[in-house]
Each structure stands twice: as C-alpha cells, then as structure tokens.
Amino acid sequence: MLYALGAIDPSNARLITFNIDNAEMRLPPSIAFQIPVTVKNVVIHRCIINEGASTCVMSIDVWKKLGSPELVPSMITLRSYDGRPSQPQGLYQNVPIKLAGKTVLIDVEVVDAPLD
C-alpha cells in the first residue's frame, strides 16, 4: 500500500528494510490497520487496510452514504469465515481512496451484510 501511494521508493539506498525471516513476531499477522480514509470527499473512519486480503469489501450502508455510485455486476461469490456464501450487490470500480494526501484507485465489492 505504501509503495502504491508513492510513499516509499524501494530503490532508495536510505530506505531501511527488515528481514521478516529473522523477526520475532509480537502481533499475529491477522491484525490489520484501522485508519480513516477519504472517498469522494467523505471521511470513512476505522477502515481496515489489509494488503493480504483477496478482495476489498464495503458495506451497502457506506456505499449509500457515498451517493450510491454505479455498480457493475460482480462475478464472484464471497464466503464468510464459517463458509456461508454471499453474493455481492456489485463491484464499485476505481474507487478513489485518499490517504496521506495521495489517491489510489481500487475496486471494491459492495455487500449487504454486517461487516463485524
């Protein structure tokens, strides 16, 4: 995510990197960052940024607060942790996510389900 935002340049010799193979894990890898982001001039608090996720999801309530932008049909079936299938309402394409003054376009599946 930081690379996509242009916040880091991997070829920079002054960049400090860590070898995760030699690291002692203090937090489980399932912990994700919860941060505020701006989408279409609306601040969405407590967004979860997880680069390891297979897809991005947004609740239908948030989508409605953004003005119900156009969705395209989604061809995937999402599965909850307990294995229940769910069909997204649609795919919100090229969502402009603003973070730290940079904007990145991502595709988001809109779901009509609690995201707890």
Protein backbone atom coordinates (compact mmCIF):
# COMPACT_ATOMS: atom_id res chain seq x y z
CA MET A 1 0.00 0.00 0.00
CA LEU A 2 2.77 2.45 0.88
CA TYR A 3 4.52 1.70 -2.41
CA ALA A 4 1.24 2.24 -4.34
CA LEU A 5 0.79 5.59 -2.62
CA GLY A 6 4.29 6.61 -3.66
CA ALA A 7 5.27 6.96 -0.02
CA ILE A 8 8.37 4.79 -0.46
CA ASP A 9 10.87 4.17 -3.23
CA PRO A 10 12.29 0.64 -2.96
CA SER A 11 15.43 1.68 -4.87
CA ASN A 12 16.29 4.37 -2.29
CA ALA A 13 19.57 3.41 -0.60
CA ARG A 14 18.48 5.22 2.56
CA LEU A 15 15.39 3.02 2.90
CA ILE A 16 15.53 0.80 5.97
CA THR A 17 14.17 -2.68 5.40
CA PHE A 18 13.65 -5.60 7.72
CA ASN A 19 14.19 -9.27 7.05
CA ILE A 20 10.96 -10.80 8.30
CA ASP A 21 12.50 -14.30 8.27
CA ASN A 22 14.66 -13.28 11.24
CA ALA A 23 11.98 -11.25 13.01
CA GLU A 24 10.34 -12.20 16.27
CA MET A 25 6.61 -11.82 15.74
CA ARG A 26 4.93 -9.85 18.52
CA LEU A 27 1.48 -9.47 16.96
CA PRO A 28 -0.43 -12.06 14.97
CA PRO A 29 -0.45 -11.46 11.19
CA SER A 30 -4.25 -11.24 11.28
CA ILE A 31 -4.06 -7.75 12.82
CA ALA A 32 -4.75 -5.03 10.25
CA PHE A 33 -4.50 -1.25 10.44
CA GLN A 34 -7.70 0.68 11.21
CA ILE A 35 -7.42 4.20 9.80
CA PRO A 36 -9.64 6.95 8.41
CA VAL A 37 -9.67 7.32 4.61
CA THR A 38 -11.46 9.76 2.32
CA VAL A 39 -13.66 8.53 -0.53
CA LYS A 40 -15.42 11.14 -2.69
CA ASN A 41 -14.85 13.81 -0.01
CA VAL A 42 -16.46 11.62 2.67
CA VAL A 43 -14.25 10.57 5.58
CA ILE A 44 -14.77 6.91 6.46
CA HIS A 45 -13.44 6.16 9.93
CA ARG A 46 -11.97 2.86 11.08
CA CYS A 47 -11.28 1.42 7.63
CA ILE A 48 -9.32 -1.78 7.68
CA ILE A 49 -6.32 -1.84 5.38
CA ASN A 50 -5.20 -5.40 4.77
CA GLU A 51 -2.91 -5.95 1.82
CA GLY A 52 -3.20 -9.71 2.28
CA ALA A 53 -6.95 -9.75 1.62
CA SER A 54 -8.15 -11.44 -1.54
CA THR A 55 -10.67 -8.65 -2.20
CA CYS A 56 -11.85 -5.34 -0.77
CA VAL A 57 -15.37 -5.02 0.62
CA MET A 58 -17.63 -2.13 1.56
CA SER A 59 -20.96 -2.28 3.35
CA ILE A 60 -24.03 -1.22 1.42
CA ASP A 61 -24.67 1.46 4.08
CA VAL A 62 -21.32 3.14 3.35
CA TRP A 63 -21.96 2.84 -0.39
CA LYS A 64 -25.33 4.62 0.06
CA LYS A 65 -23.68 7.40 2.09
CA LEU A 66 -21.31 7.91 -0.84
CA GLY A 67 -24.35 8.64 -3.05
CA SER A 68 -24.92 5.10 -4.37
CA PRO A 69 -22.39 5.29 -7.21
CA GLU A 70 -22.83 2.95 -10.17
CA LEU A 71 -22.01 -0.71 -9.60
CA VAL A 72 -21.12 -3.29 -12.22
CA PRO A 73 -22.21 -6.92 -11.81
CA SER A 74 -19.84 -8.97 -9.67
CA MET A 75 -18.90 -12.43 -10.83
CA ILE A 76 -17.53 -13.72 -7.54
CA THR A 77 -19.08 -15.40 -4.52
CA LEU A 78 -17.72 -14.31 -1.17
CA ARG A 79 -17.54 -16.73 1.75
CA SER A 80 -17.67 -15.78 5.41
CA TYR A 81 -15.35 -17.35 7.97
CA ASP A 82 -17.94 -20.02 8.70
CA GLY A 83 -18.22 -20.88 4.99
CA ARG A 84 -21.58 -19.25 4.24
CA PRO A 85 -21.69 -17.94 0.65
CA SER A 86 -22.72 -14.38 -0.14
CA GLN A 87 -23.25 -12.66 -3.47
CA PRO A 88 -22.07 -9.02 -3.54
CA GLN A 89 -24.53 -6.34 -4.67
CA GLY A 90 -21.97 -5.35 -7.27
CA LEU A 91 -18.47 -4.08 -7.89
CA TYR A 92 -17.69 -0.40 -7.30
CA GLN A 93 -14.82 0.16 -9.71
CA ASN A 94 -11.98 2.66 -9.48
CA VAL A 95 -12.88 3.91 -6.02
CA PRO A 96 -10.62 6.90 -5.30
CA ILE A 97 -9.16 6.24 -1.84
CA LYS A 98 -7.31 9.23 -0.42
CA LEU A 99 -4.76 8.57 2.29
CA ALA A 100 -1.90 10.78 3.45
CA GLY A 101 -2.51 13.22 0.59
CA LYS A 102 -2.25 10.54 -2.11
CA THR A 103 -5.06 8.95 -4.11
CA VAL A 104 -5.17 5.30 -5.16
CA LEU A 105 -7.92 3.71 -7.28
CA ILE A 106 -9.20 0.33 -6.09
CA ASP A 107 -12.14 -1.96 -6.91
CA VAL A 108 -14.49 -2.75 -4.02
CA GLU A 109 -17.19 -5.39 -3.65
CA VAL A 110 -20.35 -3.87 -2.10
CA VAL A 111 -22.06 -6.30 0.28
CA ASP A 112 -25.41 -6.20 2.04
CA ALA A 113 -24.22 -7.91 5.21
CA PRO A 114 -22.88 -6.88 8.61
CA LEU A 115 -19.11 -6.40 8.42
CA ASP A 116 -18.30 -7.17 12.02
